[in-house]
N, C-alpha and C. Protein backbone atom coordinates (compact mmCIF):
# COMPACT_ATOMS: atom_id res chain seq x y z
N MET A 1 0.78 -1.27 0.14
CA MET A 1 0.08 -0.06 0.16
C MET A 1 0.94 1.26 0.07
N ALA A 2 0.67 2.23 -0.89
CA ALA A 2 1.45 3.37 -1.07
C ALA A 2 1.13 4.26 0.17
N LEU A 3 2.24 5.04 0.44
CA LEU A 3 2.09 6.24 1.44
C LEU A 3 2.45 7.37 0.72
N HIS A 4 1.67 8.60 0.98
CA HIS A 4 1.52 9.57 0.18
C HIS A 4 2.17 10.81 1.20
N LEU A 5 2.29 12.18 0.66
CA LEU A 5 2.61 13.32 1.53
C LEU A 5 1.60 14.27 1.19
N ILE A 6 1.23 15.24 1.96
CA ILE A 6 0.35 16.07 1.59
C ILE A 6 1.27 17.61 2.20
N LYS A 7 1.01 18.66 1.42
CA LYS A 7 1.93 19.92 1.59
C LYS A 7 0.95 20.93 1.12
N LEU A 8 0.90 22.16 1.79
CA LEU A 8 0.24 23.20 1.52
C LEU A 8 0.95 24.08 0.35
N CYS A 9 0.20 24.43 -0.63
CA CYS A 9 0.59 25.19 -1.88
C CYS A 9 0.75 26.67 -1.24
N VAL A 10 1.82 27.28 -0.65
CA VAL A 10 1.90 28.34 -0.04
C VAL A 10 1.76 29.57 -1.08
N GLY A 11 0.69 30.56 -1.02
CA GLY A 11 0.70 31.55 -2.05
C GLY A 11 0.01 31.07 -3.24
N GLY A 12 -0.14 29.62 -3.54
CA GLY A 12 -0.65 29.32 -4.82
C GLY A 12 -2.13 29.69 -4.85
N LYS A 13 -2.63 30.04 -6.06
CA LYS A 13 -4.13 30.57 -6.13
C LYS A 13 -4.80 29.27 -6.95
N SER A 14 -4.04 28.56 -7.71
CA SER A 14 -4.91 27.50 -8.72
C SER A 14 -3.91 26.46 -9.07
N ILE A 15 -4.49 25.44 -9.59
CA ILE A 15 -3.68 24.55 -9.94
C ILE A 15 -2.55 25.11 -11.25
N ASP A 16 -3.39 25.97 -12.02
CA ASP A 16 -2.59 26.66 -13.21
C ASP A 16 -1.50 27.51 -12.76
N ASP A 17 -1.74 28.11 -11.45
CA ASP A 17 -0.49 28.87 -11.01
C ASP A 17 0.38 27.88 -10.54
N LEU A 18 0.19 26.90 -9.84
CA LEU A 18 1.09 25.83 -9.40
C LEU A 18 2.09 25.64 -10.62
N SER A 19 1.43 25.04 -11.65
CA SER A 19 2.12 24.57 -12.77
C SER A 19 2.80 25.51 -13.46
N ASN A 20 2.38 26.84 -13.51
CA ASN A 20 3.36 28.09 -14.20
C ASN A 20 4.67 28.31 -13.26
N ARG A 21 4.29 28.16 -11.83
CA ARG A 21 5.54 28.31 -11.10
C ARG A 21 6.59 27.29 -11.20
N GLN A 22 6.06 26.18 -11.58
CA GLN A 22 7.04 24.99 -11.57
C GLN A 22 7.63 24.93 -12.98
N LYS A 23 6.75 25.45 -14.04
CA LYS A 23 7.55 25.47 -15.23
C LYS A 23 8.66 26.71 -15.27
N LYS A 24 8.30 27.94 -14.59
CA LYS A 24 9.29 28.95 -14.66
C LYS A 24 10.54 28.34 -13.78
N ARG A 25 10.31 27.75 -12.71
CA ARG A 25 11.66 27.14 -11.99
C ARG A 25 12.26 26.20 -12.58
N ARG A 26 11.74 25.21 -13.35
CA ARG A 26 12.51 24.44 -14.47
C ARG A 26 13.30 25.12 -15.35
N ALA A 27 12.62 26.30 -16.15
CA ALA A 27 13.50 27.08 -17.04
C ALA A 27 14.50 27.71 -16.38
N GLU A 28 14.47 28.16 -15.19
CA GLU A 28 15.53 28.83 -14.63
C GLU A 28 16.62 27.85 -14.14
N ARG A 29 16.38 26.59 -13.80
CA ARG A 29 17.33 25.72 -13.71
C ARG A 29 17.95 25.12 -14.94
N THR A 30 17.39 25.23 -15.95
CA THR A 30 17.81 24.76 -17.37
C THR A 30 18.90 25.85 -17.79
N LYS A 31 18.66 27.11 -17.46
CA LYS A 31 19.39 28.12 -17.99
C LYS A 31 20.77 28.02 -17.11
N ARG A 32 20.73 27.58 -15.74
CA ARG A 32 21.94 27.33 -15.23
C ARG A 32 22.53 26.11 -15.25
N SER A 33 22.41 25.49 -16.22
CA SER A 33 22.43 24.00 -16.77
C SER A 33 22.44 23.02 -15.64
N GLU A 34 21.51 23.20 -15.04
CA GLU A 34 20.94 22.14 -14.17
C GLU A 34 19.93 21.25 -14.45
N PRO A 35 19.81 20.01 -14.09
CA PRO A 35 18.71 18.94 -14.65
C PRO A 35 17.24 19.58 -14.45
N ASN A 36 16.55 19.32 -15.58
CA ASN A 36 15.29 19.80 -15.82
C ASN A 36 14.20 19.09 -15.04
N GLU A 37 14.33 19.15 -13.73
CA GLU A 37 13.43 18.68 -12.79
C GLU A 37 12.40 19.43 -11.92
N THR A 38 11.45 18.93 -11.79
CA THR A 38 10.42 19.58 -10.69
C THR A 38 10.55 19.09 -9.28
N LEU A 39 11.10 20.06 -8.52
CA LEU A 39 11.43 19.57 -7.29
C LEU A 39 10.91 20.52 -6.20
N HIS A 40 10.62 20.20 -5.14
CA HIS A 40 10.23 20.84 -3.91
C HIS A 40 11.26 20.57 -2.64
N ILE A 41 11.82 21.77 -2.15
CA ILE A 41 12.65 21.60 -0.97
C ILE A 41 11.99 21.75 0.23
N THR A 42 12.17 20.92 1.04
CA THR A 42 11.64 21.09 2.55
C THR A 42 12.88 20.53 3.40
N ARG A 43 12.68 21.10 4.76
CA ARG A 43 13.79 20.98 5.58
C ARG A 43 13.93 19.53 6.26
N GLN A 44 12.91 18.84 6.40
CA GLN A 44 13.06 17.52 7.03
C GLN A 44 12.94 16.41 5.98
N MET A 45 13.86 15.42 6.24
CA MET A 45 13.89 14.28 5.31
C MET A 45 12.79 13.32 5.91
N PRO A 46 11.81 12.74 5.04
CA PRO A 46 10.97 11.82 5.69
C PRO A 46 11.52 10.43 6.15
N ARG A 47 11.11 9.99 6.94
CA ARG A 47 11.61 8.62 7.42
C ARG A 47 11.27 7.63 6.89
N ARG A 48 10.15 7.71 6.35
CA ARG A 48 9.49 6.45 5.61
C ARG A 48 9.54 6.75 4.00
N ALA A 49 10.75 7.41 3.81
CA ALA A 49 11.06 7.42 2.04
C ALA A 49 10.62 6.20 1.29
N THR A 50 11.36 4.87 1.55
CA THR A 50 10.97 3.78 1.00
C THR A 50 9.60 3.51 0.83
N GLU A 51 8.76 3.74 1.65
CA GLU A 51 7.32 3.57 1.45
C GLU A 51 6.75 4.80 0.31
N LEU A 52 7.31 5.87 0.47
CA LEU A 52 6.81 7.00 -0.26
C LEU A 52 7.01 6.54 -1.66
N LEU A 53 8.37 6.14 -1.82
CA LEU A 53 8.75 5.99 -3.34
C LEU A 53 8.10 4.77 -3.97
N ASP A 54 7.55 4.01 -3.41
CA ASP A 54 6.70 2.66 -3.62
C ASP A 54 5.32 3.18 -4.23
N GLY A 55 5.33 4.03 -5.07
CA GLY A 55 3.94 4.47 -5.86
C GLY A 55 3.42 5.83 -5.05
N GLY A 56 3.98 6.40 -4.20
CA GLY A 56 3.39 7.66 -3.52
C GLY A 56 3.29 8.88 -4.37
N SER A 57 2.56 9.81 -3.90
CA SER A 57 2.71 11.24 -4.69
C SER A 57 2.40 12.19 -3.60
N LEU A 58 2.79 13.45 -3.85
CA LEU A 58 2.54 14.70 -3.02
C LEU A 58 1.39 15.28 -3.53
N TYR A 59 0.33 15.32 -2.51
CA TYR A 59 -0.86 16.14 -2.58
C TYR A 59 -0.60 17.49 -2.17
N TRP A 60 -1.28 18.69 -3.26
CA TRP A 60 -1.18 19.72 -2.93
C TRP A 60 -2.41 20.36 -2.30
N VAL A 61 -2.39 21.15 -1.26
CA VAL A 61 -3.39 21.73 -0.79
C VAL A 61 -3.55 23.29 -1.38
N ILE A 62 -4.44 23.65 -2.11
CA ILE A 62 -4.42 24.84 -2.46
C ILE A 62 -5.80 25.62 -2.26
N LYS A 63 -5.55 26.95 -1.46
CA LYS A 63 -6.81 27.61 -0.89
C LYS A 63 -7.82 26.66 -0.11
N GLY A 64 -7.05 25.85 0.75
CA GLY A 64 -8.15 25.15 1.93
C GLY A 64 -8.35 23.82 1.25
N GLN A 65 -8.05 23.50 -0.06
CA GLN A 65 -8.67 21.98 -0.56
C GLN A 65 -7.39 21.24 -1.12
N ILE A 66 -7.55 20.06 -0.80
CA ILE A 66 -6.66 19.17 -1.57
C ILE A 66 -7.04 19.13 -2.98
N THR A 67 -6.52 19.42 -3.90
CA THR A 67 -6.81 19.81 -5.44
C THR A 67 -6.03 19.13 -6.53
N VAL A 68 -4.63 18.74 -6.16
CA VAL A 68 -3.92 18.03 -7.16
C VAL A 68 -2.88 17.31 -6.79
N ARG A 69 -2.13 16.32 -7.31
CA ARG A 69 -1.26 15.51 -6.91
C ARG A 69 -0.10 15.30 -7.77
N GLN A 70 1.17 15.30 -7.58
CA GLN A 70 2.26 14.87 -8.33
C GLN A 70 2.98 13.57 -7.89
N LYS A 71 3.23 12.62 -8.85
CA LYS A 71 4.06 11.46 -8.39
C LYS A 71 5.43 11.76 -7.75
N LEU A 72 5.74 11.07 -6.50
CA LEU A 72 7.05 11.26 -6.18
C LEU A 72 8.22 10.20 -6.84
N LEU A 73 9.13 10.94 -7.53
CA LEU A 73 10.14 9.92 -8.31
C LEU A 73 11.47 9.84 -7.31
N GLU A 74 11.74 10.71 -6.58
CA GLU A 74 12.88 10.58 -5.92
C GLU A 74 12.91 11.54 -4.54
N ILE A 75 13.71 10.99 -3.74
CA ILE A 75 13.81 11.88 -2.23
C ILE A 75 15.53 11.81 -2.17
N ARG A 76 15.96 13.15 -2.14
CA ARG A 76 17.37 13.24 -1.99
C ARG A 76 17.71 14.26 -1.08
N PRO A 77 18.78 13.93 -0.24
CA PRO A 77 19.29 15.07 0.43
C PRO A 77 20.00 16.21 -0.26
N VAL A 78 19.96 17.32 0.17
CA VAL A 78 20.37 18.50 -0.44
C VAL A 78 21.12 19.55 0.60
N VAL A 79 21.83 20.64 0.38
CA VAL A 79 22.31 21.63 1.26
C VAL A 79 21.64 22.85 0.82
N ARG A 80 21.17 23.76 1.70
CA ARG A 80 20.54 24.83 1.35
C ARG A 80 20.88 25.73 2.28
N LYS A 81 21.43 27.07 1.97
CA LYS A 81 22.01 28.00 3.13
C LYS A 81 22.67 27.48 4.22
N GLY A 82 23.70 26.49 3.80
CA GLY A 82 24.35 25.89 4.64
C GLY A 82 24.01 24.71 5.65
N GLY A 83 22.59 24.36 5.46
CA GLY A 83 22.21 23.28 6.42
C GLY A 83 21.50 22.35 5.50
N PRO A 84 21.37 21.11 6.04
CA PRO A 84 20.77 19.92 5.45
C PRO A 84 19.18 19.99 5.16
N CYS A 85 18.91 19.72 3.88
CA CYS A 85 17.54 19.80 3.31
C CYS A 85 17.04 18.55 2.75
N CYS A 86 16.01 18.65 2.08
CA CYS A 86 15.56 17.49 1.46
C CYS A 86 14.89 17.89 0.13
N ALA A 87 15.08 17.25 -1.06
CA ALA A 87 14.55 17.69 -2.17
C ALA A 87 13.67 16.44 -2.68
N LEU A 88 12.46 16.90 -2.76
CA LEU A 88 11.52 15.85 -3.27
C LEU A 88 11.37 16.11 -4.76
N ILE A 89 11.60 15.16 -5.74
CA ILE A 89 11.59 15.23 -6.86
C ILE A 89 10.39 14.66 -7.61
N LEU A 90 9.74 15.59 -8.46
CA LEU A 90 8.16 15.26 -8.60
C LEU A 90 8.14 15.08 -10.14
N SER A 91 7.16 14.24 -10.68
CA SER A 91 6.80 14.24 -12.06
C SER A 91 6.18 15.69 -12.48
N HIS A 92 6.41 15.92 -13.65
CA HIS A 92 6.09 17.26 -14.50
C HIS A 92 4.42 17.33 -14.28
N THR A 93 3.87 16.06 -14.43
CA THR A 93 2.45 15.95 -14.62
C THR A 93 1.63 16.30 -13.29
N LEU A 94 0.76 17.16 -13.51
CA LEU A 94 -0.28 17.64 -12.29
C LEU A 94 -1.53 16.74 -12.44
N VAL A 95 -1.93 15.81 -11.62
CA VAL A 95 -3.01 15.08 -11.84
C VAL A 95 -4.06 15.59 -10.76
N PRO A 96 -5.24 16.22 -11.23
CA PRO A 96 -6.36 16.83 -10.34
C PRO A 96 -7.13 15.58 -9.85
N VAL A 97 -7.46 16.09 -8.59
CA VAL A 97 -8.04 14.99 -7.88
C VAL A 97 -9.13 15.59 -7.32
N ALA A 98 -10.29 14.72 -6.83
CA ALA A 98 -11.70 15.02 -6.07
C ALA A 98 -11.22 15.90 -4.97
N ARG A 99 -11.75 17.23 -5.03
CA ARG A 99 -11.50 18.22 -4.18
C ARG A 99 -12.12 17.92 -2.79
N ARG A 100 -11.16 18.17 -1.67
CA ARG A 100 -11.68 17.82 -0.40
C ARG A 100 -11.11 18.84 0.53
N HIS A 101 -11.74 19.44 1.31
CA HIS A 101 -11.43 20.37 2.29
C HIS A 101 -10.21 19.87 3.10
N HIS A 102 -9.17 20.78 3.56
CA HIS A 102 -8.44 20.45 4.57
C HIS A 102 -7.83 21.51 5.15
N ARG A 103 -7.72 21.50 6.56
CA ARG A 103 -7.23 22.72 7.43
C ARG A 103 -5.78 23.06 7.30
N PRO A 104 -5.42 24.06 7.43
CA PRO A 104 -3.97 24.44 7.59
C PRO A 104 -3.05 23.94 8.24
N PHE A 105 -1.88 23.58 8.17
CA PHE A 105 -1.04 22.92 8.69
C PHE A 105 0.33 23.49 8.24
N GLN A 106 1.45 23.30 9.21
CA GLN A 106 2.93 23.68 8.80
C GLN A 106 3.66 22.40 8.14
N GLY A 107 4.58 22.49 7.40
CA GLY A 107 5.42 21.53 6.81
C GLY A 107 4.49 20.61 5.92
N TRP A 108 4.86 19.31 6.11
CA TRP A 108 4.12 18.41 5.40
C TRP A 108 3.54 17.24 6.34
N ARG A 109 2.63 16.41 5.82
CA ARG A 109 2.34 15.26 6.60
C ARG A 109 2.29 13.97 5.82
N TYR A 110 2.17 12.83 6.46
CA TYR A 110 2.03 11.69 5.59
C TYR A 110 0.40 11.44 5.29
N LEU A 111 0.00 10.79 4.39
CA LEU A 111 -1.43 10.54 3.92
C LEU A 111 -1.50 9.19 3.40
N LYS A 112 -2.23 8.53 4.19
CA LYS A 112 -2.41 6.91 3.64
C LYS A 112 -3.04 6.84 2.53
N GLU A 113 -2.98 5.84 1.93
CA GLU A 113 -3.51 5.61 0.54
C GLU A 113 -4.91 5.71 0.57
N ASP A 114 -5.48 5.06 1.73
CA ASP A 114 -6.84 4.89 2.17
C ASP A 114 -7.64 6.30 2.28
N ASP A 115 -6.81 7.32 2.69
CA ASP A 115 -7.43 8.61 3.06
C ASP A 115 -7.11 9.81 1.60
N ALA A 116 -6.39 9.10 0.80
CA ALA A 116 -6.19 10.29 -0.40
C ALA A 116 -7.44 10.17 -1.30
N PRO A 117 -7.71 11.42 -1.82
CA PRO A 117 -8.81 11.63 -2.64
C PRO A 117 -8.35 11.05 -3.93
N ARG A 118 -9.41 10.54 -4.64
CA ARG A 118 -9.34 9.97 -5.94
C ARG A 118 -8.98 10.84 -7.07
N ASP A 119 -8.53 10.24 -7.90
CA ASP A 119 -7.99 10.95 -9.29
C ASP A 119 -9.12 11.17 -9.93
N LEU A 120 -9.23 12.32 -10.63
CA LEU A 120 -10.32 12.60 -11.72
C LEU A 120 -10.00 12.15 -12.90
N CYS A 121 -11.08 11.50 -13.53
CA CYS A 121 -10.73 11.19 -15.00
C CYS A 121 -10.89 12.26 -15.87
N PRO A 122 -10.21 12.17 -17.20
CA PRO A 122 -10.23 13.63 -17.92
C PRO A 122 -11.61 14.05 -18.34
N GLY A 123 -12.61 13.18 -18.50
CA GLY A 123 -13.84 13.57 -18.97
C GLY A 123 -14.74 13.96 -17.52
N GLU A 124 -14.15 13.68 -16.47
CA GLU A 124 -14.88 14.09 -15.18
C GLU A 124 -14.48 15.39 -14.72
N ALA A 125 -13.55 15.84 -15.20
CA ALA A 125 -13.09 17.21 -14.70
C ALA A 125 -14.26 18.21 -15.12
N VAL A 126 -14.49 19.06 -13.86
CA VAL A 126 -15.42 20.02 -14.28
C VAL A 126 -15.05 20.97 -14.96
N LYS A 127 -15.53 21.56 -16.27
CA LYS A 127 -15.19 22.82 -17.03
C LYS A 127 -15.66 24.16 -16.28
N LEU A 128 -15.54 24.39 -15.02
CA LEU A 128 -15.89 25.49 -14.53
C LEU A 128 -14.69 26.36 -14.06
N PRO A 129 -14.75 27.78 -14.00
CA PRO A 129 -13.47 28.34 -13.28
C PRO A 129 -13.18 27.66 -12.14
N GLU A 130 -11.97 27.77 -11.93
CA GLU A 130 -11.28 27.02 -10.40
C GLU A 130 -12.02 27.71 -9.27
N LYS A 131 -12.08 28.99 -9.24
CA LYS A 131 -12.73 29.48 -8.08
C LYS A 131 -14.20 29.14 -7.75
N LEU A 132 -15.01 28.86 -8.85
CA LEU A 132 -16.20 28.42 -8.38
C LEU A 132 -16.24 26.90 -8.35
N GLN A 133 -15.33 25.98 -8.97
CA GLN A 133 -15.13 24.84 -8.27
C GLN A 133 -14.96 24.66 -6.99
N ALA A 134 -14.20 25.55 -6.42
CA ALA A 134 -13.69 25.32 -5.08
C ALA A 134 -15.00 25.95 -4.25
N GLU A 135 -15.63 26.83 -4.59
CA GLU A 135 -16.92 27.22 -3.78
C GLU A 135 -17.91 26.20 -3.55
N LEU A 136 -18.08 25.85 -4.91
CA LEU A 136 -19.03 24.42 -4.95
C LEU A 136 -18.60 23.18 -4.24
N SER A 137 -17.38 23.06 -4.29
CA SER A 137 -16.71 21.94 -3.54
C SER A 137 -16.89 22.16 -1.92
N SER A 138 -16.56 23.21 -1.57
CA SER A 138 -16.66 23.73 -0.10
C SER A 138 -18.16 23.46 0.35
N LEU A 139 -19.13 23.60 -0.65
CA LEU A 139 -20.54 23.65 -0.12
C LEU A 139 -21.15 22.17 -0.43
N GLY A 140 -20.38 21.36 -1.01
CA GLY A 140 -20.48 19.90 -1.01
C GLY A 140 -21.30 19.42 -2.27
N LEU A 141 -21.34 20.47 -3.35
CA LEU A 141 -22.29 20.38 -4.19
C LEU A 141 -21.49 19.48 -5.61
N ILE A 142 -20.14 19.59 -5.37
CA ILE A 142 -19.42 18.74 -6.54
C ILE A 142 -18.48 17.94 -5.81
């Protein structure tokens, strides 16, 4: 059974906003002749990394709702500002999930597969503005 991480997308306004930020950062790394990877740096190294890499994903909380996930490809130690950190290497693909409310928290948390929201099928994705989707989801209407 896969284990996942859940993380707040601080300052993120939408899935498109997250996607654009990640594309911009990949382009900046490419200019510096670094690998074209989607990564997220965090201070703590997950102790259950082996379980996470066995099919796990990082679920993003945007504006108080779990909205999208990215597959975890690798977890590696890095040094930032002279201190040890952890780089979560993610798939470039953002997979929309069935929205679910989640309260704010700091850092990241583990998320069991049973508790993870299901992926939305391509035809199932609602073609409404994301702000309206979030509102309808918070009311339990979608």
